[in-house]
Amino acid sequence: GAAFFLWDKALKLGDARQIGILSYLTPLCSTAL
C-alpha cells in the first residue's frame, strides 16, 4: 500500500538509476528481519 505511493513519489523526484541502486537494501533488510 503505502510503499507504492512512496515509490512513485521517489521516482517523480529523483534519479531512477540512483533509486534502483538504493533498492538493493530491500533484500538485505528483508533477510535481516
PDB file of all heavy atoms in Angstrom:
ATOM      1  N   GLY A   1       0.817  -1.205   0.000  1.00  0.00           N
ATOM      2  CA  GLY A   1       0.000   0.000   0.000  1.00  0.00           C
ATOM      3  C   GLY A   1       0.852   1.257   0.000  1.00  0.00           C
ATOM      4  O   GLY A   1       1.230   1.784  -1.046  1.00  0.00           O
ATOM      5  N   ALA A   2       1.201   1.725   1.187  1.00  0.00           N
ATOM      6  CA  ALA A   2       1.963   2.968   1.312  1.00  0.00           C
ATOM      7  C   ALA A   2       3.285   2.909   0.564  1.00  0.00           C
ATOM      8  O   ALA A   2       3.752   3.929   0.034  1.00  0.00           O
ATOM      9  CB  ALA A   2       2.210   3.267   2.794  1.00  0.00           C
ATOM     10  N   ALA A   3       3.893   1.719   0.496  1.00  0.00           N
ATOM     11  CA  ALA A   3       5.183   1.595  -0.196  1.00  0.00           C
ATOM     12  C   ALA A   3       5.070   2.017  -1.655  1.00  0.00           C
ATOM     13  O   ALA A   3       5.991   2.648  -2.200  1.00  0.00           O
ATOM     14  CB  ALA A   3       5.693   0.153  -0.099  1.00  0.00           C
ATOM     15  N   PHE A   4       3.954   1.673  -2.318  1.00  0.00           N
ATOM     16  CA  PHE A   4       3.786   2.029  -3.722  1.00  0.00           C
ATOM     17  C   PHE A   4       3.667   3.547  -3.896  1.00  0.00           C
ATOM     18  O   PHE A   4       4.172   4.111  -4.862  1.00  0.00           O
ATOM     19  CB  PHE A   4       2.540   1.348  -4.301  1.00  0.00           C
ATOM     20  CG  PHE A   4       2.632  -0.148  -4.343  1.00  0.00           C
ATOM     21  CD1 PHE A   4       1.547  -0.932  -3.999  1.00  0.00           C
ATOM     22  CD2 PHE A   4       3.802  -0.790  -4.710  1.00  0.00           C
ATOM     23  CE1 PHE A   4       1.615  -2.319  -4.043  1.00  0.00           C
ATOM     24  CE2 PHE A   4       3.897  -2.164  -4.761  1.00  0.00           C
ATOM     25  CZ  PHE A   4       2.794  -2.930  -4.414  1.00  0.00           C
ATOM     26  N   PHE A   5       2.977   4.208  -2.956  1.00  0.00           N
ATOM     27  CA  PHE A   5       2.836   5.661  -3.029  1.00  0.00           C
ATOM     28  C   PHE A   5       4.194   6.336  -2.822  1.00  0.00           C
ATOM     29  O   PHE A   5       4.539   7.283  -3.540  1.00  0.00           O
ATOM     30  CB  PHE A   5       1.839   6.145  -1.961  1.00  0.00           C
ATOM     31  CG  PHE A   5       0.413   5.749  -2.220  1.00  0.00           C
ATOM     32  CD1 PHE A   5      -0.067   4.513  -1.835  1.00  0.00           C
ATOM     33  CD2 PHE A   5      -0.451   6.615  -2.863  1.00  0.00           C
ATOM     34  CE1 PHE A   5      -1.386   4.140  -2.070  1.00  0.00           C
ATOM     35  CE2 PHE A   5      -1.769   6.257  -3.113  1.00  0.00           C
ATOM     36  CZ  PHE A   5      -2.238   5.019  -2.713  1.00  0.00           C
ATOM     37  N   LEU A   6       4.954   5.855  -1.841  1.00  0.00           N
ATOM     38  CA  LEU A   6       6.282   6.422  -1.590  1.00  0.00           C
ATOM     39  C   LEU A   6       7.209   6.183  -2.776  1.00  0.00           C
ATOM     40  O   LEU A   6       7.996   7.063  -3.155  1.00  0.00           O
ATOM     41  CB  LEU A   6       6.881   5.794  -0.326  1.00  0.00           C
ATOM     42  CG  LEU A   6       6.196   6.145   0.993  1.00  0.00           C
ATOM     43  CD1 LEU A   6       6.760   5.290   2.120  1.00  0.00           C
ATOM     44  CD2 LEU A   6       6.360   7.623   1.315  1.00  0.00           C
ATOM     45  N   TRP A   7       7.123   4.991  -3.369  1.00  0.00           N
ATOM     46  CA  TRP A   7       7.967   4.645  -4.508  1.00  0.00           C
ATOM     47  C   TRP A   7       7.668   5.559  -5.696  1.00  0.00           C
ATOM     48  O   TRP A   7       8.585   6.060  -6.360  1.00  0.00           O
ATOM     49  CB  TRP A   7       7.745   3.192  -4.880  1.00  0.00           C
ATOM     50  CG  TRP A   7       8.630   2.653  -5.953  1.00  0.00           C
ATOM     51  CD1 TRP A   7       8.274   2.299  -7.214  1.00  0.00           C
ATOM     52  CD2 TRP A   7      10.038   2.385  -5.860  1.00  0.00           C
ATOM     53  NE1 TRP A   7       9.356   1.822  -7.912  1.00  0.00           N
ATOM     54  CE2 TRP A   7      10.449   1.859  -7.107  1.00  0.00           C
ATOM     55  CE3 TRP A   7      10.972   2.530  -4.841  1.00  0.00           C
ATOM     56  CZ2 TRP A   7      11.768   1.492  -7.351  1.00  0.00           C
ATOM     57  CZ3 TRP A   7      12.284   2.167  -5.088  1.00  0.00           C
ATOM     58  CH2 TRP A   7      12.668   1.654  -6.331  1.00  0.00           C
ATOM     59  N   ASP A   8       6.395   5.792  -5.958  1.00  0.00           N
ATOM     60  CA  ASP A   8       6.007   6.666  -7.063  1.00  0.00           C
ATOM     61  C   ASP A   8       6.513   8.091  -6.822  1.00  0.00           C
ATOM     62  O   ASP A   8       7.008   8.742  -7.738  1.00  0.00           O
ATOM     63  CB  ASP A   8       4.487   6.669  -7.221  1.00  0.00           C
ATOM     64  CG  ASP A   8       4.028   7.540  -8.381  1.00  0.00           C
ATOM     65  OD1 ASP A   8       4.202   7.116  -9.541  1.00  0.00           O
ATOM     66  OD2 ASP A   8       3.512   8.647  -8.130  1.00  0.00           O
ATOM     67  N   LYS A   9       6.394   8.558  -5.584  1.00  0.00           N
ATOM     68  CA  LYS A   9       6.865   9.901  -5.260  1.00  0.00           C
ATOM     69  C   LYS A   9       8.376  10.002  -5.458  1.00  0.00           C
ATOM     70  O   LYS A   9       8.884  11.005  -5.986  1.00  0.00           O
ATOM     71  CB  LYS A   9       6.513  10.223  -3.811  1.00  0.00           C
ATOM     72  CG  LYS A   9       6.641  11.685  -3.445  1.00  0.00           C
ATOM     73  CD  LYS A   9       5.557  12.528  -4.088  1.00  0.00           C
ATOM     74  CE  LYS A   9       5.620  13.971  -3.606  1.00  0.00           C
ATOM     75  NZ  LYS A   9       4.575  14.813  -4.254  1.00  0.00           N
ATOM     76  N   ALA A  10       9.102   8.959  -5.050  1.00  0.00           N
ATOM     77  CA  ALA A  10      10.556   8.956  -5.208  1.00  0.00           C
ATOM     78  C   ALA A  10      10.940   9.025  -6.681  1.00  0.00           C
ATOM     79  O   ALA A  10      11.839   9.785  -7.073  1.00  0.00           O
ATOM     80  CB  ALA A  10      11.150   7.706  -4.561  1.00  0.00           C
ATOM     81  N   LEU A  11      10.251   8.245  -7.520  1.00  0.00           N
ATOM     82  CA  LEU A  11      10.581   8.222  -8.949  1.00  0.00           C
ATOM     83  C   LEU A  11      10.254   9.545  -9.617  1.00  0.00           C
ATOM     84  O   LEU A  11      10.919   9.944 -10.576  1.00  0.00           O
ATOM     85  CB  LEU A  11       9.818   7.080  -9.633  1.00  0.00           C
ATOM     86  CG  LEU A  11      10.292   5.668  -9.275  1.00  0.00           C
ATOM     87  CD1 LEU A  11       9.324   4.636  -9.828  1.00  0.00           C
ATOM     88  CD2 LEU A  11      11.698   5.416  -9.793  1.00  0.00           C
ATOM     89  N   LYS A  12       9.242  10.233  -9.123  1.00  0.00           N
ATOM     90  CA  LYS A  12       8.885  11.534  -9.702  1.00  0.00           C
ATOM     91  C   LYS A  12       9.911  12.616  -9.358  1.00  0.00           C
ATOM     92  O   LYS A  12      10.064  13.587 -10.093  1.00  0.00           O
ATOM     93  CB  LYS A  12       7.495  11.969  -9.217  1.00  0.00           C
ATOM     94  CG  LYS A  12       6.329  11.252  -9.902  1.00  0.00           C
ATOM     95  CD  LYS A  12       4.995  11.768  -9.370  1.00  0.00           C
ATOM     96  CE  LYS A  12       3.826  11.344 -10.254  1.00  0.00           C
ATOM     97  NZ  LYS A  12       3.620   9.899 -10.316  1.00  0.00           N
ATOM     98  N   LEU A  13      10.602  12.439  -8.241  1.00  0.00           N
ATOM     99  CA  LEU A  13      11.514  13.484  -7.769  1.00  0.00           C
ATOM    100  C   LEU A  13      12.988  13.183  -8.014  1.00  0.00           C
ATOM    101  O   LEU A  13      13.805  14.102  -8.029  1.00  0.00           O
ATOM    102  CB  LEU A  13      11.311  13.708  -6.257  1.00  0.00           C
ATOM    103  CG  LEU A  13       9.958  14.242  -5.809  1.00  0.00           C
ATOM    104  CD1 LEU A  13       9.896  14.310  -4.281  1.00  0.00           C
ATOM    105  CD2 LEU A  13       9.704  15.634  -6.394  1.00  0.00           C
ATOM    106  N   GLY A  14      13.323  11.888  -8.178  1.00  0.00           N
ATOM    107  CA  GLY A  14      14.735  11.527  -8.179  1.00  0.00           C
ATOM    108  C   GLY A  14      15.240  10.901  -9.454  1.00  0.00           C
ATOM    109  O   GLY A  14      14.549  10.839 -10.469  1.00  0.00           O
ATOM    110  N   ASP A  15      16.474  10.433  -9.385  1.00  0.00           N
ATOM    111  CA  ASP A  15      17.174   9.774 -10.483  1.00  0.00           C
ATOM    112  C   ASP A  15      16.913   8.278 -10.399  1.00  0.00           C
ATOM    113  O   ASP A  15      17.272   7.631  -9.407  1.00  0.00           O
ATOM    114  CB  ASP A  15      18.681  10.064 -10.363  1.00  0.00           C
ATOM    115  CG  ASP A  15      19.487   9.536 -11.552  1.00  0.00           C
ATOM    116  OD1 ASP A  15      19.115   8.479 -12.111  1.00  0.00           O
ATOM    117  OD2 ASP A  15      20.500  10.163 -11.907  1.00  0.00           O
ATOM    118  N   ALA A  16      16.297   7.696 -11.431  1.00  0.00           N
ATOM    119  CA  ALA A  16      15.921   6.284 -11.411  1.00  0.00           C
ATOM    120  C   ALA A  16      17.127   5.379 -11.217  1.00  0.00           C
ATOM    121  O   ALA A  16      17.023   4.307 -10.606  1.00  0.00           O
ATOM    122  CB  ALA A  16      15.183   5.917 -12.697  1.00  0.00           C
ATOM    123  N   ARG A  17      18.303   5.787 -11.736  1.00  0.00           N
ATOM    124  CA  ARG A  17      19.496   4.961 -11.582  1.00  0.00           C
ATOM    125  C   ARG A  17      19.916   4.871 -10.121  1.00  0.00           C
ATOM    126  O   ARG A  17      20.238   3.797  -9.609  1.00  0.00           O
ATOM    127  CB  ARG A  17      20.638   5.536 -12.431  1.00  0.00           C
ATOM    128  CG  ARG A  17      20.374   5.550 -13.924  1.00  0.00           C
ATOM    129  CD  ARG A  17      21.362   6.453 -14.635  1.00  0.00           C
ATOM    130  NE  ARG A  17      21.295   7.828 -14.148  1.00  0.00           N
ATOM    131  CZ  ARG A  17      22.013   8.837 -14.634  1.00  0.00           C
ATOM    132  NH1 ARG A  17      22.859   8.624 -15.627  1.00  0.00           N
ATOM    133  NH2 ARG A  17      21.888  10.051 -14.141  1.00  0.00           N
ATOM    134  N   GLN A  18      19.916   6.006  -9.444  1.00  0.00           N
ATOM    135  CA  GLN A  18      20.313   6.022  -8.045  1.00  0.00           C
ATOM    136  C   GLN A  18      19.291   5.293  -7.174  1.00  0.00           C
ATOM    137  O   GLN A  18      19.647   4.544  -6.262  1.00  0.00           O
ATOM    138  CB  GLN A  18      20.474   7.465  -7.570  1.00  0.00           C
ATOM    139  CG  GLN A  18      21.592   8.214  -8.270  1.00  0.00           C
ATOM    140  CD  GLN A  18      21.722   9.649  -7.802  1.00  0.00           C
ATOM    141  OE1 GLN A  18      20.990  10.079  -6.914  1.00  0.00           O
ATOM    142  NE2 GLN A  18      22.636  10.390  -8.409  1.00  0.00           N
ATOM    143  N   ILE A  19      18.008   5.498  -7.463  1.00  0.00           N
ATOM    144  CA  ILE A  19      16.951   4.840  -6.692  1.00  0.00           C
ATOM    145  C   ILE A  19      17.019   3.332  -6.890  1.00  0.00           C
ATOM    146  O   ILE A  19      16.815   2.555  -5.950  1.00  0.00           O
ATOM    147  CB  ILE A  19      15.570   5.395  -7.095  1.00  0.00           C
ATOM    148  CG1 ILE A  19      15.466   6.859  -6.649  1.00  0.00           C
ATOM    149  CG2 ILE A  19      14.446   4.568  -6.483  1.00  0.00           C
ATOM    150  CD1 ILE A  19      14.245   7.572  -7.175  1.00  0.00           C
ATOM    151  N   GLY A  20      17.311   2.903  -8.118  1.00  0.00           N
ATOM    152  CA  GLY A  20      17.447   1.477  -8.387  1.00  0.00           C
ATOM    153  C   GLY A  20      18.553   0.845  -7.568  1.00  0.00           C
ATOM    154  O   GLY A  20      18.427  -0.286  -7.076  1.00  0.00           O
ATOM    155  N   ILE A  21      19.655   1.558  -7.403  1.00  0.00           N
ATOM    156  CA  ILE A  21      20.772   1.027  -6.628  1.00  0.00           C
ATOM    157  C   ILE A  21      20.430   1.000  -5.136  1.00  0.00           C
ATOM    158  O   ILE A  21      20.751   0.042  -4.426  1.00  0.00           O
ATOM    159  CB  ILE A  21      22.042   1.854  -6.903  1.00  0.00           C
ATOM    160  CG1 ILE A  21      22.500   1.621  -8.350  1.00  0.00           C
ATOM    161  CG2 ILE A  21      23.154   1.484  -5.931  1.00  0.00           C
ATOM    162  CD1 ILE A  21      23.517   2.600  -8.840  1.00  0.00           C
ATOM    163  N   LEU A  22      19.739   2.029  -4.650  1.00  0.00           N
ATOM    164  CA  LEU A  22      19.304   2.021  -3.256  1.00  0.00           C
ATOM    165  C   LEU A  22      18.392   0.831  -2.965  1.00  0.00           C
ATOM    166  O   LEU A  22      18.348   0.328  -1.836  1.00  0.00           O
ATOM    167  CB  LEU A  22      18.551   3.325  -2.929  1.00  0.00           C
ATOM    168  CG  LEU A  22      19.390   4.579  -2.678  1.00  0.00           C
ATOM    169  CD1 LEU A  22      18.475   5.782  -2.500  1.00  0.00           C
ATOM    170  CD2 LEU A  22      20.287   4.407  -1.465  1.00  0.00           C
ATOM    171  N   SER A  23      17.694   0.360  -3.990  1.00  0.00           N
ATOM    172  CA  SER A  23      16.746  -0.741  -3.811  1.00  0.00           C
ATOM    173  C   SER A  23      17.431  -2.032  -3.400  1.00  0.00           C
ATOM    174  O   SER A  23      16.769  -2.963  -2.931  1.00  0.00           O
ATOM    175  CB  SER A  23      15.967  -0.974  -5.108  1.00  0.00           C
ATOM    176  OG  SER A  23      15.269   0.188  -5.482  1.00  0.00           O
ATOM    177  N   TYR A  24      18.739  -2.117  -3.564  1.00  0.00           N
ATOM    178  CA  TYR A  24      19.437  -3.318  -3.135  1.00  0.00           C
ATOM    179  C   TYR A  24      19.411  -3.479  -1.623  1.00  0.00           C
ATOM    180  O   TYR A  24      19.745  -4.544  -1.096  1.00  0.00           O
ATOM    181  CB  TYR A  24      20.886  -3.296  -3.626  1.00  0.00           C
ATOM    182  CG  TYR A  24      21.025  -3.711  -5.059  1.00  0.00           C
ATOM    183  CD1 TYR A  24      21.482  -2.821  -6.019  1.00  0.00           C
ATOM    184  CD2 TYR A  24      20.684  -4.994  -5.462  1.00  0.00           C
ATOM    185  CE1 TYR A  24      21.610  -3.206  -7.336  1.00  0.00           C
ATOM    186  CE2 TYR A  24      20.809  -5.380  -6.779  1.00  0.00           C
ATOM    187  CZ  TYR A  24      21.273  -4.487  -7.712  1.00  0.00           C
ATOM    188  OH  TYR A  24      21.390  -4.864  -9.016  1.00  0.00           O
ATOM    189  N   LEU A  25      19.015  -2.440  -0.903  1.00  0.00           N
ATOM    190  CA  LEU A  25      18.848  -2.568   0.534  1.00  0.00           C
ATOM    191  C   LEU A  25      17.651  -3.460   0.871  1.00  0.00           C
ATOM    192  O   LEU A  25      17.580  -4.011   1.981  1.00  0.00           O
ATOM    193  CB  LEU A  25      18.643  -1.180   1.159  1.00  0.00           C
ATOM    194  CG  LEU A  25      19.852  -0.246   1.150  1.00  0.00           C
ATOM    195  CD1 LEU A  25      19.438   1.161   1.544  1.00  0.00           C
ATOM    196  CD2 LEU A  25      20.937  -0.761   2.082  1.00  0.00           C
ATOM    197  N   THR A  26      16.712  -3.623  -0.065  1.00  0.00           N
ATOM    198  CA  THR A  26      15.496  -4.389   0.209  1.00  0.00           C
ATOM    199  C   THR A  26      15.784  -5.835   0.588  1.00  0.00           C
ATOM    200  O   THR A  26      15.325  -6.303   1.643  1.00  0.00           O
ATOM    201  CB  THR A  26      14.523  -4.335  -0.988  1.00  0.00           C
ATOM    202  OG1 THR A  26      14.323  -2.978  -1.377  1.00  0.00           O
ATOM    203  CG2 THR A  26      13.197  -4.958  -0.629  1.00  0.00           C
ATOM    204  N   PRO A  27      16.520  -6.607  -0.230  1.00  0.00           N
ATOM    205  CA  PRO A  27      16.770  -7.994   0.173  1.00  0.00           C
ATOM    206  C   PRO A  27      17.603  -8.111   1.438  1.00  0.00           C
ATOM    207  O   PRO A  27      17.415  -9.040   2.224  1.00  0.00           O
ATOM    208  CB  PRO A  27      17.515  -8.584  -1.039  1.00  0.00           C
ATOM    209  CG  PRO A  27      18.089  -7.408  -1.747  1.00  0.00           C
ATOM    210  CD  PRO A  27      17.098  -6.311  -1.553  1.00  0.00           C
ATOM    211  N   LEU A  28      18.506  -7.161   1.668  1.00  0.00           N
ATOM    212  CA  LEU A  28      19.303  -7.194   2.886  1.00  0.00           C
ATOM    213  C   LEU A  28      18.418  -7.002   4.110  1.00  0.00           C
ATOM    214  O   LEU A  28      18.453  -7.793   5.062  1.00  0.00           O
ATOM    215  CB  LEU A  28      20.387  -6.114   2.837  1.00  0.00           C
ATOM    216  CG  LEU A  28      21.152  -5.902   4.149  1.00  0.00           C
ATOM    217  CD1 LEU A  28      22.013  -7.109   4.455  1.00  0.00           C
ATOM    218  CD2 LEU A  28      21.992  -4.643   4.086  1.00  0.00           C
ATOM    219  N   CYS A  29      17.588  -5.939   4.087  1.00  0.00           N
ATOM    220  CA  CYS A  29      16.718  -5.636   5.229  1.00  0.00           C
ATOM    221  C   CYS A  29      15.688  -6.740   5.432  1.00  0.00           C
ATOM    222  O   CYS A  29      15.372  -7.110   6.568  1.00  0.00           O
ATOM    223  CB  CYS A  29      16.034  -4.291   5.029  1.00  0.00           C
ATOM    224  SG  CYS A  29      17.159  -2.881   4.974  1.00  0.00           S
ATOM    225  N   SER A  30      15.152  -7.250   4.329  1.00  0.00           N
ATOM    226  CA  SER A  30      14.160  -8.311   4.418  1.00  0.00           C
ATOM    227  C   SER A  30      14.747  -9.563   5.056  1.00  0.00           C
ATOM    228  O   SER A  30      14.141 -10.178   5.943  1.00  0.00           O
ATOM    229  CB  SER A  30      13.630  -8.638   3.017  1.00  0.00           C
ATOM    230  OG  SER A  30      12.709  -9.704   3.065  1.00  0.00           O
ATOM    231  N   THR A  31      15.947  -9.946   4.621  1.00  0.00           N
ATOM    232  CA  THR A  31      16.604 -11.128   5.171  1.00  0.00           C
ATOM    233  C   THR A  31      16.966 -10.928   6.637  1.00  0.00           C
ATOM    234  O   THR A  31      16.787 -11.825   7.474  1.00  0.00           O
ATOM    235  CB  THR A  31      17.873 -11.461   4.362  1.00  0.00           C
ATOM    236  OG1 THR A  31      17.525 -11.636   2.992  1.00  0.00           O
ATOM    237  CG2 THR A  31      18.538 -12.720   4.882  1.00  0.00           C
ATOM    238  N   ALA A  32      17.465  -9.732   6.980  1.00  0.00           N
ATOM    239  CA  ALA A  32      17.831  -9.452   8.364  1.00  0.00           C
ATOM    240  C   ALA A  32      16.614  -9.518   9.282  1.00  0.00           C
ATOM    241  O   ALA A  32      16.682 -10.056  10.398  1.00  0.00           O
ATOM    242  CB  ALA A  32      18.489  -8.078   8.457  1.00  0.00           C
ATOM    243  N   LEU A  33      15.478  -8.990   8.823  1.00  0.00           N
ATOM    244  CA  LEU A  33      14.264  -9.028   9.629  1.00  0.00           C
ATOM    245  C   LEU A  33      13.771 -10.453   9.808  1.00  0.00           C
ATOM    246  O   LEU A  33      13.334 -10.847  10.905  1.00  0.00           O
ATOM    247  CB  LEU A  33      13.174  -8.174   8.977  1.00  0.00           C
ATOM    248  CG  LEU A  33      11.860  -8.066   9.745  1.00  0.00           C
ATOM    249  CD1 LEU A  33      12.094  -7.484  11.132  1.00  0.00           C
ATOM    250  CD2 LEU A  33      10.858  -7.201   8.968  1.00  0.00           C
TER     251      LEU A  33
END
